[in-house]
Amino acid sequence: MGNIVERLTNLDYIIVIAYLIILMIIGYRASFSKKKNEDETLFLANKSLNWSSIGFNMWGTNVGPSMLLAFASIGYSTGIVAVNFDWYAFIFLFLLAIVFAPKYLAAKVSTMPEFMGNRYGDSTQNILAWYALVKILISWLSLGLFAGGFLVRQILGIPMWQSVTVLVAFAGLFTFFGGLKAIAKVNVFQMILLIAVSLSLMLLGLNKVGGLSALYAKTPHHFWNLIQPASDPKYPWYAILLGYPVAAVAFFCTDQSMVQSVLGAKNLKQGQLGVSFIGWLKILSLPLFIGTGILCYVLFPGLKDPNEAYMTMVTNLFPPGMNGLVIVVLIAVLVGTIGSSLNSLSTVFTMDIYVKKINPQASNKQIIRIGRWAVVAGCIFAVIVVLAIDNIKGLNLFDVFQSVLGFIAPPLSVVFLLTVFWKRTTRKAVNFTLSVGSILSLGVGVTYLWILPSDQYHFWPHYLMLSFFIFAGLLLIAILISLLDRSPSIYTVNEEHQANIEKPAKAVWISWTALAIVMVALYLFFNGH
């Protein structure tokens, strides 16, 4: 990877500098150019986001540096099967847009813990607030930064502490001064740039291979099937069908970093269209990310490490003058993910802990100040964790941590699904699932990965199925606790919130219907090869 630096020309340096200047101008205009309303906060962009900003920002949050590498790697090894993790998501994005978003916006909440606190009280809000903070700090901020720092170190050859400090400071500046509005504006520009650069790489690769028909002829035909047989050791159809939804509900419908863009929508219609837009954007995962890996399989067979597929394509196909664009894209996906994570961290800490517990009478100015200090603290914490991870040798820690955090999804999915779909759910059931259920789920994950690792003990089911079994068990326990509770504390319908719930507009239904038709057609097309 390091030879990309040796190939940089003056044009590359000009491109990188021009990009940074444009980025700062966009961020400055979003943060300072217009006189701010006294009631404006850092957290929800003053409810000003339209559908395109929401879609690009959610996609920017979702597309981390690991996606560029991991999807190309999986494409190189197994073909298009990993596209399921983006295309199957449209069902759960639909759930967010049509079921969850109307309730979130009607309740006028800033955070997911606040939404649950409205229903079950302070104890639930407290548990979920700390749970959310730990999840954002580790799964989003530290691991995203670790992956980014690792990439920058490989490409530029600078120490990890320098690469992560520069990256987190750069992303932190936008969040510190402009909050969600600045991050959203910057992400629109960055995601358009990502599409342009990744598509260029794909087209260069296709040209070298000889076109789509030549690519199809030179690859194993099972590479082009989305649905793999039950005997497939990596992605059997039943594991994706049953296991993926557990993580998808937690990720798309309940995760503060993903949902915050919707909470900042001008209105429900813009929010629902924005979520539909990210569903359309996710179709691009095949040509932009997975396709690059499949092309690499044909052009550069026998790579020692499939993780090098993306950078192998970059260093061999991009002509001098275009390598600067690759560095720009890597910075773009990092700023998008880290910036959104910092904003979510700041929101949860400020609204659910500072305002709720420490200073309920806080003025808007105090809230903004604390929010900014939370951003600074998050930056420092993330750098310390990344350096600690980097000093531990001998483990593929990024993959291990991602797997462990995958086991956090079942309790969140159980609690939010029951809350929205079953009014009989009690506070005891929710608090038990969030506390004891989380310990149980994470305990199983640690056992699966370290104590009795699955590569040595073959009695384990597929990790996606394991996630599904934990979800099913916690769901059953939560229902039983609710039914057997002799003095149940259940959600009393808030008439004001209920009255605020709007029905989807016609344009929203048209957009989602069109997306569903396209997704079904894609699943039919990419099967039976």
Protein backbone atom coordinates (compact mmCIF):
# COMPACT_ATOMS: atom_id res chain seq x y z
CA MET A 1 0.00 0.00 0.00
CA GLY A 2 2.83 2.36 0.85
CA ASN A 3 3.83 2.84 -2.80
CA ILE A 4 0.88 5.18 -3.33
CA VAL A 5 2.93 7.94 -1.66
CA GLU A 6 5.82 7.37 -4.07
CA ARG A 7 3.41 7.85 -6.99
CA LEU A 8 1.97 11.14 -5.80
CA THR A 9 2.49 14.05 -8.22
CA ASN A 10 2.06 17.78 -7.82
CA LEU A 11 -1.46 17.40 -9.22
CA ASP A 12 -2.27 14.90 -6.43
CA TYR A 13 -1.14 17.36 -3.76
CA ILE A 14 -3.18 20.14 -5.40
CA ILE A 15 -6.27 17.88 -5.38
CA VAL A 16 -5.87 17.05 -1.69
CA ILE A 17 -5.33 20.70 -0.72
CA ALA A 18 -8.27 21.86 -2.87
CA TYR A 19 -10.50 19.22 -1.26
CA LEU A 20 -9.54 20.29 2.25
CA ILE A 21 -10.20 23.96 1.42
CA ILE A 22 -13.65 23.15 -0.09
CA LEU A 23 -14.49 21.00 2.94
CA MET A 24 -13.59 23.80 5.35
CA ILE A 25 -15.58 26.38 3.35
CA ILE A 26 -18.69 24.14 3.44
CA GLY A 27 -18.23 23.52 7.16
CA TYR A 28 -17.65 27.22 7.87
CA ARG A 29 -20.74 28.30 5.91
CA ALA A 30 -22.90 25.75 7.74
CA SER A 31 -21.49 26.77 11.14
CA PHE A 32 -21.01 30.55 10.97
CA SER A 33 -22.25 32.24 7.82
CA LYS A 34 -25.82 33.02 8.93
CA LYS A 35 -26.86 34.56 12.17
CA LYS A 36 -27.96 31.74 14.42
CA ASN A 37 -31.31 31.52 16.07
CA GLU A 38 -31.10 31.70 19.85
CA ASP A 39 -32.88 28.37 20.12
CA GLU A 40 -30.59 26.62 17.65
CA THR A 41 -28.63 23.66 19.01
CA LEU A 42 -25.70 21.61 17.81
CA PHE A 43 -27.61 18.38 17.83
CA LEU A 44 -30.53 18.28 15.39
CA ALA A 45 -29.45 20.89 12.79
CA ASN A 46 -32.32 23.08 14.03
CA LYS A 47 -34.74 20.67 12.27
CA SER A 48 -33.48 21.91 8.90
CA LEU A 49 -32.41 18.75 7.02
CA ASN A 50 -34.09 17.82 3.73
CA TRP A 51 -34.30 14.32 2.24
CA SER A 52 -31.02 14.49 0.30
CA SER A 53 -29.02 15.69 3.32
CA ILE A 54 -30.57 12.95 5.48
CA GLY A 55 -29.87 10.21 2.93
CA PHE A 56 -26.29 11.27 2.24
CA ASN A 57 -25.57 11.81 5.94
CA MET A 58 -26.92 8.39 6.97
CA TRP A 59 -24.95 6.79 4.15
CA GLY A 60 -21.84 8.76 5.13
CA THR A 61 -22.24 7.53 8.71
CA ASN A 62 -22.65 3.96 7.47
CA VAL A 63 -19.78 3.94 4.94
CA GLY A 64 -16.68 3.71 7.12
CA PRO A 65 -13.14 3.04 5.89
CA SER A 66 -13.65 -0.62 6.77
CA MET A 67 -16.41 -0.87 4.14
CA LEU A 68 -14.06 0.11 1.33
CA LEU A 69 -11.63 -2.63 2.37
CA ALA A 70 -13.98 -5.29 3.76
CA PHE A 71 -16.48 -5.27 0.90
CA ALA A 72 -13.73 -5.40 -1.73
CA SER A 73 -12.09 -8.22 0.27
CA ILE A 74 -15.31 -10.25 0.45
CA GLY A 75 -15.97 -9.57 -3.24
CA TYR A 76 -12.50 -10.94 -4.02
CA SER A 77 -13.10 -14.07 -1.91
CA THR A 78 -16.78 -14.91 -2.35
CA GLY A 79 -18.42 -12.67 -4.96
CA ILE A 80 -21.55 -10.60 -4.38
CA VAL A 81 -23.08 -12.45 -1.38
CA ALA A 82 -22.06 -9.68 1.05
CA VAL A 83 -24.32 -7.23 -0.85
CA ASN A 84 -27.10 -8.82 1.24
CA PHE A 85 -25.86 -6.74 4.17
CA ASP A 86 -26.76 -3.58 2.23
CA TRP A 87 -29.64 -4.67 -0.01
CA TYR A 88 -31.59 -6.70 2.58
CA ALA A 89 -31.40 -3.56 4.75
CA PHE A 90 -34.17 -1.88 2.74
CA ILE A 91 -36.78 -3.81 4.76
CA PHE A 92 -35.44 -2.41 8.04
CA LEU A 93 -34.99 1.07 6.61
CA PHE A 94 -38.68 0.84 5.64
CA LEU A 95 -39.45 -0.12 9.25
CA LEU A 96 -37.53 2.98 10.44
CA ALA A 97 -39.30 5.30 7.99
CA ILE A 98 -42.88 4.07 8.33
CA VAL A 99 -43.08 2.67 11.88
CA PHE A 100 -40.37 4.22 14.07
CA ALA A 101 -39.77 7.69 12.57
CA PRO A 102 -43.39 8.93 12.96
CA LYS A 103 -43.28 8.01 16.66
CA TYR A 104 -39.82 9.55 17.21
CA LEU A 105 -40.76 12.84 15.53
CA ALA A 106 -44.20 13.01 17.16
CA ALA A 107 -42.56 12.65 20.58
CA LYS A 108 -40.14 15.52 19.69
CA VAL A 109 -37.15 13.72 21.21
CA SER A 110 -33.44 14.38 20.67
CA THR A 111 -32.20 10.91 21.62
CA MET A 112 -33.25 7.27 21.71
CA PRO A 113 -32.85 7.07 25.53
CA GLU A 114 -35.19 10.08 25.82
CA PHE A 115 -37.79 8.30 23.68
CA MET A 116 -37.67 5.21 25.92
CA GLY A 117 -37.60 7.41 29.04
CA ASN A 118 -40.87 9.04 27.93
CA ARG A 119 -42.44 5.60 27.93
CA TYR A 120 -40.89 3.81 30.90
CA GLY A 121 -39.39 6.49 33.11
CA ASP A 122 -35.99 7.69 34.32
CA SER A 123 -34.54 4.27 35.17
CA THR A 124 -34.92 3.06 31.58
CA GLN A 125 -33.55 6.32 30.17
CA ASN A 126 -30.49 6.10 32.45
CA ILE A 127 -29.69 2.49 31.51
CA LEU A 128 -30.09 3.19 27.81
CA ALA A 129 -28.10 6.47 27.96
CA TRP A 130 -25.00 4.82 29.43
CA TYR A 131 -25.49 1.84 27.14
CA ALA A 132 -25.63 4.19 24.12
CA LEU A 133 -22.53 6.15 25.22
CA VAL A 134 -20.41 3.00 25.57
CA LYS A 135 -21.70 1.69 22.24
CA ILE A 136 -20.92 4.96 20.41
CA LEU A 137 -17.48 5.33 22.03
CA ILE A 138 -16.37 1.80 21.20
CA SER A 139 -18.28 0.53 18.16
CA TRP A 140 -18.46 3.79 16.22
CA LEU A 141 -15.75 6.13 17.39
CA SER A 142 -12.79 4.04 18.54
CA LEU A 143 -13.11 1.20 16.04
CA GLY A 144 -13.88 3.55 13.13
CA LEU A 145 -10.88 5.65 14.04
CA PHE A 146 -8.68 2.57 14.48
CA ALA A 147 -9.57 1.34 10.98
CA GLY A 148 -8.95 4.81 9.55
CA GLY A 149 -5.69 5.31 11.42
CA PHE A 150 -4.52 1.89 10.29
CA LEU A 151 -5.21 2.80 6.66
CA VAL A 152 -3.57 6.21 6.86
CA ARG A 153 -0.51 4.68 8.53
CA GLN A 154 -0.26 2.09 5.76
CA ILE A 155 -0.59 4.64 2.98
CA LEU A 156 1.43 7.56 4.33
CA GLY A 157 3.83 5.68 6.57
CA ILE A 158 3.29 7.92 9.61
CA PRO A 159 2.90 6.68 13.21
CA MET A 160 -0.57 5.69 14.42
CA TRP A 161 -0.75 8.47 17.05
CA GLN A 162 -0.14 11.12 14.38
CA SER A 163 -2.67 9.73 11.90
CA VAL A 164 -5.51 9.29 14.43
CA THR A 165 -4.86 12.66 16.11
CA VAL A 166 -5.08 14.51 12.79
CA LEU A 167 -8.17 12.55 11.69
CA VAL A 168 -10.12 12.99 14.92
CA ALA A 169 -9.16 16.68 15.19
CA PHE A 170 -10.31 17.34 11.63
CA ALA A 171 -13.66 15.55 12.11
CA GLY A 172 -14.04 17.04 15.60
CA LEU A 173 -13.74 20.63 14.30
CA PHE A 174 -16.92 20.31 12.22
CA THR A 175 -18.82 18.73 15.09
CA PHE A 176 -17.49 21.22 17.67
CA PHE A 177 -18.52 24.33 15.75
CA GLY A 178 -21.37 23.26 13.50
CA GLY A 179 -22.89 20.11 14.97
CA LEU A 180 -25.22 18.00 12.85
CA LYS A 181 -25.86 20.76 10.29
CA ALA A 182 -22.15 21.08 9.40
CA ILE A 183 -21.63 17.30 9.36
CA ALA A 184 -24.69 16.81 7.10
CA LYS A 185 -23.62 19.53 4.64
CA VAL A 186 -20.07 18.16 4.47
CA ASN A 187 -21.32 14.58 3.99
CA VAL A 188 -23.41 15.49 0.94
CA PHE A 189 -20.27 16.79 -0.79
CA GLN A 190 -18.16 13.86 0.42
CA MET A 191 -20.53 11.09 -0.63
CA ILE A 192 -20.87 12.53 -4.15
CA LEU A 193 -17.06 12.52 -4.27
CA LEU A 194 -16.95 8.90 -3.02
CA ILE A 195 -19.38 7.82 -5.75
CA ALA A 196 -17.33 9.58 -8.46
CA VAL A 197 -13.96 8.13 -7.38
CA SER A 198 -15.20 4.57 -6.71
CA LEU A 199 -17.14 4.51 -9.99
CA SER A 200 -14.01 5.68 -11.84
CA LEU A 201 -12.06 2.78 -10.32
CA MET A 202 -14.81 0.33 -11.32
CA LEU A 203 -14.92 1.63 -14.92
CA LEU A 204 -11.12 1.49 -15.26
CA GLY A 205 -11.20 -2.11 -14.01
CA LEU A 206 -14.03 -3.10 -16.35
CA ASN A 207 -12.17 -1.56 -19.28
CA LYS A 208 -9.06 -3.59 -18.45
CA VAL A 209 -11.02 -6.84 -18.02
CA GLY A 210 -12.88 -6.32 -21.29
CA GLY A 211 -16.40 -5.45 -20.13
CA LEU A 212 -19.17 -6.99 -18.04
CA SER A 213 -19.56 -10.13 -20.17
CA ALA A 214 -15.82 -10.85 -19.95
CA LEU A 215 -15.92 -10.30 -16.17
CA TYR A 216 -18.82 -12.76 -15.86
CA ALA A 217 -17.02 -15.34 -18.02
CA LYS A 218 -13.79 -15.13 -16.00
CA THR A 219 -15.37 -15.57 -12.54
CA PRO A 220 -16.99 -18.62 -10.89
CA HIS A 221 -20.73 -18.43 -11.56
CA HIS A 222 -21.63 -18.81 -7.86
CA PHE A 223 -19.91 -15.43 -7.37
CA TRP A 224 -23.08 -13.86 -8.83
CA ASN A 225 -25.63 -15.44 -6.48
CA LEU A 226 -27.02 -13.42 -3.58
CA ILE A 227 -28.55 -16.52 -1.99
CA GLN A 228 -26.06 -19.25 -1.12
CA PRO A 229 -27.01 -22.85 -0.23
CA ALA A 230 -27.46 -23.97 3.39
CA SER A 231 -24.17 -25.88 3.11
CA ASP A 232 -22.18 -22.69 2.46
CA PRO A 233 -19.80 -22.26 5.46
CA LYS A 234 -19.58 -18.46 5.32
CA TYR A 235 -23.01 -17.10 4.35
CA PRO A 236 -25.72 -19.82 4.30
CA TRP A 237 -29.10 -18.41 3.26
CA TYR A 238 -30.85 -19.17 6.56
CA ALA A 239 -28.21 -17.34 8.65
CA ILE A 240 -28.64 -14.14 6.63
CA LEU A 241 -32.44 -14.48 6.53
CA LEU A 242 -32.84 -14.93 10.32
CA GLY A 243 -29.69 -13.49 11.86
CA TYR A 244 -29.13 -10.30 9.91
CA PRO A 245 -32.49 -8.70 10.91
CA VAL A 246 -31.48 -8.74 14.60
CA ALA A 247 -28.49 -6.49 13.96
CA ALA A 248 -30.32 -4.49 11.27
CA VAL A 249 -33.20 -3.44 13.57
CA ALA A 250 -30.73 -2.35 16.26
CA PHE A 251 -28.50 -0.57 13.73
CA PHE A 252 -30.98 1.22 11.49
CA CYS A 253 -33.98 1.74 13.79
CA THR A 254 -32.48 2.36 17.25
CA ASP A 255 -28.86 3.50 16.87
CA GLN A 256 -28.42 7.18 17.78
CA SER A 257 -25.73 7.74 15.14
CA MET A 258 -28.01 6.49 12.35
CA VAL A 259 -31.36 7.85 13.57
CA GLN A 260 -30.11 11.34 14.50
CA SER A 261 -30.27 12.53 10.88
CA VAL A 262 -33.98 11.63 10.79
CA LEU A 263 -34.58 13.46 14.08
CA GLY A 264 -33.10 16.58 12.41
CA ALA A 265 -35.56 16.44 9.48
CA LYS A 266 -37.61 19.51 8.49
CA ASN A 267 -40.70 17.32 8.74
CA LEU A 268 -41.75 13.67 8.65
CA LYS A 269 -42.07 13.57 4.87
CA GLN A 270 -38.45 14.75 4.41
CA GLY A 271 -37.28 12.24 7.01
CA GLN A 272 -39.10 9.32 5.35
CA LEU A 273 -37.89 10.30 1.88
CA GLY A 274 -34.35 10.62 3.28
CA VAL A 275 -34.46 7.08 4.66
CA SER A 276 -35.78 5.88 1.30
CA PHE A 277 -32.86 7.69 -0.38
CA ILE A 278 -30.26 5.78 1.63
CA GLY A 279 -32.03 2.59 0.48
CA TRP A 280 -31.45 3.68 -3.13
CA LEU A 281 -27.84 4.66 -2.36
CA LYS A 282 -27.17 1.21 -0.91
CA ILE A 283 -27.81 -0.33 -4.34
CA LEU A 284 -24.48 1.29 -5.31
CA SER A 285 -22.58 -1.03 -2.94
CA LEU A 286 -22.27 -3.59 -5.72
CA PRO A 287 -20.58 -1.39 -8.35
CA LEU A 288 -18.71 0.85 -5.90
CA PHE A 289 -17.33 -1.61 -3.33
CA ILE A 290 -18.01 -5.32 -4.01
CA GLY A 291 -17.43 -5.01 -7.75
CA THR A 292 -13.94 -3.65 -7.16
CA GLY A 293 -13.04 -6.85 -5.30
CA ILE A 294 -14.47 -9.11 -8.03
CA LEU A 295 -12.48 -7.20 -10.68
CA CYS A 296 -9.35 -7.59 -8.56
CA TYR A 297 -9.98 -11.37 -8.45
CA VAL A 298 -9.74 -11.45 -12.25
CA LEU A 299 -6.96 -8.90 -12.73
CA PHE A 300 -4.72 -9.80 -9.76
CA PRO A 301 -5.41 -13.43 -8.76
CA GLY A 302 -3.49 -15.02 -5.91
CA LEU A 303 -3.30 -12.07 -3.51
CA LYS A 304 -1.82 -13.18 -0.18
CA ASP A 305 -4.30 -11.02 1.70
CA PRO A 306 -7.74 -10.30 0.17
CA ASN A 307 -7.88 -7.17 2.39
CA GLU A 308 -5.41 -5.62 -0.05
CA ALA A 309 -7.86 -5.89 -2.98
CA TYR A 310 -9.06 -2.27 -2.90
CA MET A 311 -5.62 -0.68 -2.59
CA THR A 312 -4.17 -3.12 -5.15
CA MET A 313 -6.73 -1.86 -7.67
CA VAL A 314 -5.99 1.76 -6.76
CA THR A 315 -2.21 1.55 -7.04
CA ASN A 316 -2.31 -0.40 -10.31
CA LEU A 317 -5.17 1.24 -12.18
CA PHE A 318 -5.30 4.91 -11.23
CA PRO A 319 -2.97 7.02 -13.38
CA PRO A 320 -0.65 9.61 -11.80
CA GLY A 321 -2.72 12.58 -10.74
CA MET A 322 -5.65 10.48 -9.52
CA ASN A 323 -4.05 8.95 -6.45
CA GLY A 324 -4.71 12.14 -4.53
CA LEU A 325 -8.42 11.43 -5.03
CA VAL A 326 -8.04 8.12 -3.18
CA ILE A 327 -6.52 9.86 -0.16
CA VAL A 328 -9.37 12.38 -0.38
CA VAL A 329 -12.01 9.60 -0.36
CA LEU A 330 -10.40 7.89 2.64
CA ILE A 331 -10.47 11.20 4.54
CA ALA A 332 -14.08 11.69 3.40
CA VAL A 333 -15.41 8.38 4.74
CA LEU A 334 -13.51 8.90 7.99
CA VAL A 335 -14.78 12.43 8.58
CA GLY A 336 -18.31 11.26 7.81
CA THR A 337 -18.31 8.37 10.27
CA ILE A 338 -16.30 10.02 13.05
CA GLY A 339 -18.13 13.36 12.78
CA SER A 340 -21.56 11.73 13.04
CA SER A 341 -20.38 9.56 15.94
CA LEU A 342 -19.04 12.57 17.85
CA ASN A 343 -22.28 14.44 17.33
CA SER A 344 -24.33 11.49 18.61
CA LEU A 345 -22.04 11.07 21.62
CA SER A 346 -22.37 14.76 22.43
CA THR A 347 -26.17 14.64 22.06
CA VAL A 348 -26.70 11.61 24.33
CA PHE A 349 -24.34 12.88 27.05
CA THR A 350 -25.72 16.42 27.04
CA MET A 351 -29.45 15.71 26.78
CA ASP A 352 -29.75 12.42 28.70
CA ILE A 353 -27.14 12.91 31.43
CA TYR A 354 -26.26 16.61 31.82
CA VAL A 355 -29.72 18.14 31.28
CA LYS A 356 -31.64 15.23 32.80
CA LYS A 357 -29.48 14.62 35.88
CA ILE A 358 -26.94 17.39 36.49
CA ASN A 359 -28.51 20.70 35.42
CA PRO A 360 -32.19 20.47 34.44
CA GLN A 361 -32.42 24.30 34.30
CA ALA A 362 -29.53 24.65 31.84
CA SER A 363 -29.83 27.46 29.29
CA ASN A 364 -29.35 26.77 25.58
CA LYS A 365 -25.91 28.42 25.74
CA GLN A 366 -24.86 26.09 28.58
CA ILE A 367 -26.19 23.07 26.71
CA ILE A 368 -24.17 23.98 23.60
CA ARG A 369 -21.03 24.54 25.70
CA ILE A 370 -21.36 21.16 27.42
CA GLY A 371 -22.07 19.53 24.05
CA ARG A 372 -18.82 20.94 22.70
CA TRP A 373 -16.83 19.78 25.72
CA ALA A 374 -18.35 16.32 25.23
CA VAL A 375 -16.98 16.38 21.65
CA VAL A 376 -13.49 17.24 22.95
CA ALA A 377 -13.65 14.50 25.61
CA GLY A 378 -14.85 12.00 23.00
CA CYS A 379 -11.91 12.88 20.72
CA ILE A 380 -9.37 12.40 23.53
CA PHE A 381 -10.96 9.14 24.72
CA ALA A 382 -11.06 7.73 21.19
CA VAL A 383 -7.37 8.48 20.56
CA ILE A 384 -6.37 6.81 23.86
CA VAL A 385 -8.43 3.68 23.08
CA VAL A 386 -7.06 3.46 19.54
CA LEU A 387 -3.45 3.68 20.78
CA ALA A 388 -4.21 1.02 23.41
CA ILE A 389 -5.68 -1.29 20.74
CA ASP A 390 -2.68 -0.65 18.48
CA ASN A 391 -0.24 -1.70 21.22
CA ILE A 392 -1.78 -5.17 21.62
CA LYS A 393 -0.16 -7.59 19.21
CA GLY A 394 -1.23 -10.92 17.79
CA LEU A 395 -4.99 -10.41 17.45
CA ASN A 396 -7.07 -9.15 14.58
CA LEU A 397 -8.71 -6.82 17.04
CA PHE A 398 -10.84 -4.86 14.65
CA ASP A 399 -12.69 -8.00 13.46
CA VAL A 400 -12.88 -9.38 17.01
CA PHE A 401 -14.38 -6.19 18.48
CA GLN A 402 -16.85 -5.90 15.62
CA SER A 403 -18.02 -9.46 16.29
CA VAL A 404 -18.34 -8.85 20.04
CA LEU A 405 -20.34 -5.68 19.46
CA GLY A 406 -22.62 -7.63 17.15
CA PHE A 407 -23.82 -9.47 20.24
CA ILE A 408 -25.06 -6.19 21.73
CA ALA A 409 -27.80 -5.98 19.09
CA PRO A 410 -30.35 -8.54 20.44
CA PRO A 411 -31.36 -6.62 23.63
CA LEU A 412 -31.84 -3.37 21.70
CA SER A 413 -33.90 -5.04 18.99
CA VAL A 414 -36.12 -6.81 21.54
CA VAL A 415 -36.78 -3.67 23.59
CA PHE A 416 -37.58 -1.31 20.71
CA LEU A 417 -39.69 -3.80 18.75
CA LEU A 418 -41.78 -4.66 21.81
CA THR A 419 -42.14 -0.98 22.74
CA VAL A 420 -43.47 -0.05 19.31
CA PHE A 421 -45.58 -3.14 18.56
CA TRP A 422 -46.87 -4.35 21.96
CA LYS A 423 -48.42 -1.85 24.39
CA ARG A 424 -48.44 -4.46 27.20
CA THR A 425 -44.62 -4.34 27.50
CA THR A 426 -43.64 -3.42 31.08
CA ARG A 427 -40.81 -1.38 32.55
CA LYS A 428 -39.47 -4.48 34.36
CA ALA A 429 -39.24 -6.38 31.07
CA VAL A 430 -37.46 -3.49 29.33
CA ASN A 431 -34.97 -2.86 32.16
CA PHE A 432 -34.25 -6.58 32.57
CA THR A 433 -33.57 -6.98 28.83
CA LEU A 434 -31.33 -3.90 28.66
CA SER A 435 -29.27 -4.83 31.74
CA VAL A 436 -29.25 -8.59 32.39
CA GLY A 437 -30.02 -9.36 28.74
CA SER A 438 -27.02 -7.30 27.58
CA ILE A 439 -24.69 -9.07 30.02
CA LEU A 440 -26.00 -12.44 28.83
CA SER A 441 -25.68 -11.54 25.14
CA LEU A 442 -22.16 -10.13 25.51
CA GLY A 443 -21.15 -13.10 27.69
CA VAL A 444 -22.16 -15.50 24.93
CA GLY A 445 -20.17 -13.39 22.46
CA VAL A 446 -17.01 -13.45 24.59
CA THR A 447 -17.36 -17.24 25.05
CA TYR A 448 -17.88 -17.70 21.31
CA LEU A 449 -14.81 -15.64 20.40
CA TRP A 450 -12.30 -16.28 23.20
CA ILE A 451 -13.17 -18.85 25.89
CA LEU A 452 -14.46 -21.58 23.56
CA PRO A 453 -13.56 -20.13 20.15
CA SER A 454 -15.67 -21.34 17.26
CA ASP A 455 -12.66 -22.30 15.12
CA GLN A 456 -11.65 -24.87 17.76
CA TYR A 457 -15.06 -25.92 19.14
CA HIS A 458 -17.33 -26.86 16.28
CA PHE A 459 -20.58 -27.21 18.23
CA TRP A 460 -21.32 -23.50 17.75
CA PRO A 461 -23.96 -22.45 15.21
CA HIS A 462 -23.19 -19.68 12.69
CA TYR A 463 -22.65 -16.41 14.56
CA LEU A 464 -25.65 -14.83 12.81
CA MET A 465 -27.84 -17.73 13.98
CA LEU A 466 -26.40 -17.36 17.47
CA SER A 467 -27.49 -13.73 17.44
CA PHE A 468 -30.98 -14.83 16.33
CA PHE A 469 -31.24 -17.46 19.12
CA ILE A 470 -30.25 -14.87 21.76
CA PHE A 471 -32.82 -12.46 20.32
CA ALA A 472 -35.57 -15.12 20.36
CA GLY A 473 -34.70 -16.12 23.95
CA LEU A 474 -34.68 -12.52 25.24
CA LEU A 475 -37.93 -11.78 23.38
CA LEU A 476 -39.64 -14.75 25.06
CA ILE A 477 -38.31 -13.77 28.51
CA ALA A 478 -39.42 -10.13 28.07
CA ILE A 479 -42.93 -11.25 27.07
CA LEU A 480 -43.15 -13.61 30.06
CA ILE A 481 -41.95 -10.91 32.49
CA SER A 482 -44.57 -8.52 31.11
CA LEU A 483 -47.37 -11.09 31.37
CA LEU A 484 -46.42 -12.30 34.86
CA ASP A 485 -45.83 -8.82 36.35
CA ARG A 486 -48.49 -8.43 39.06
CA SER A 487 -48.11 -4.66 39.30
CA PRO A 488 -47.13 -3.77 35.74
CA SER A 489 -45.79 -0.34 34.91
CA ILE A 490 -46.70 0.00 31.24
CA TYR A 491 -46.64 2.92 28.83
CA THR A 492 -49.60 5.24 29.16
CA VAL A 493 -50.46 6.71 25.78
CA ASN A 494 -49.43 10.37 25.60
CA GLU A 495 -52.38 11.96 23.84
CA GLU A 496 -50.32 14.90 22.55
CA HIS A 497 -47.68 12.61 21.05
CA GLN A 498 -50.35 10.33 19.62
CA ALA A 499 -52.07 13.30 17.98
CA ASN A 500 -48.76 14.39 16.42
CA ILE A 501 -48.24 11.08 14.58
CA GLU A 502 -48.64 11.71 10.85
CA LYS A 503 -49.45 9.32 8.04
CA PRO A 504 -46.93 8.94 5.21
CA ALA A 505 -47.43 11.25 2.22
CA LYS A 506 -48.21 9.88 -1.25
CA ALA A 507 -44.67 10.68 -2.47
CA VAL A 508 -43.25 8.57 0.38
CA TRP A 509 -45.33 5.52 -0.62
CA ILE A 510 -44.35 5.96 -4.29
CA SER A 511 -40.65 6.11 -3.40
CA TRP A 512 -40.79 3.03 -1.16
CA THR A 513 -42.92 1.03 -3.61
CA ALA A 514 -40.46 1.77 -6.42
CA LEU A 515 -37.53 0.77 -4.20
CA ALA A 516 -39.23 -2.49 -3.19
CA ILE A 517 -39.89 -3.39 -6.86
CA VAL A 518 -36.27 -2.68 -7.79
CA MET A 519 -34.92 -4.72 -4.85
CA VAL A 520 -37.12 -7.74 -5.64
CA ALA A 521 -36.00 -7.54 -9.29
CA LEU A 522 -32.33 -7.43 -8.22
CA TYR A 523 -32.77 -10.47 -5.97
CA LEU A 524 -34.42 -12.39 -8.82
CA PHE A 525 -31.71 -11.36 -11.29
CA PHE A 526 -28.74 -12.19 -9.03
CA ASN A 527 -29.74 -15.77 -8.32
CA GLY A 528 -29.54 -19.14 -10.05
CA HIS A 529 -26.23 -18.51 -11.81
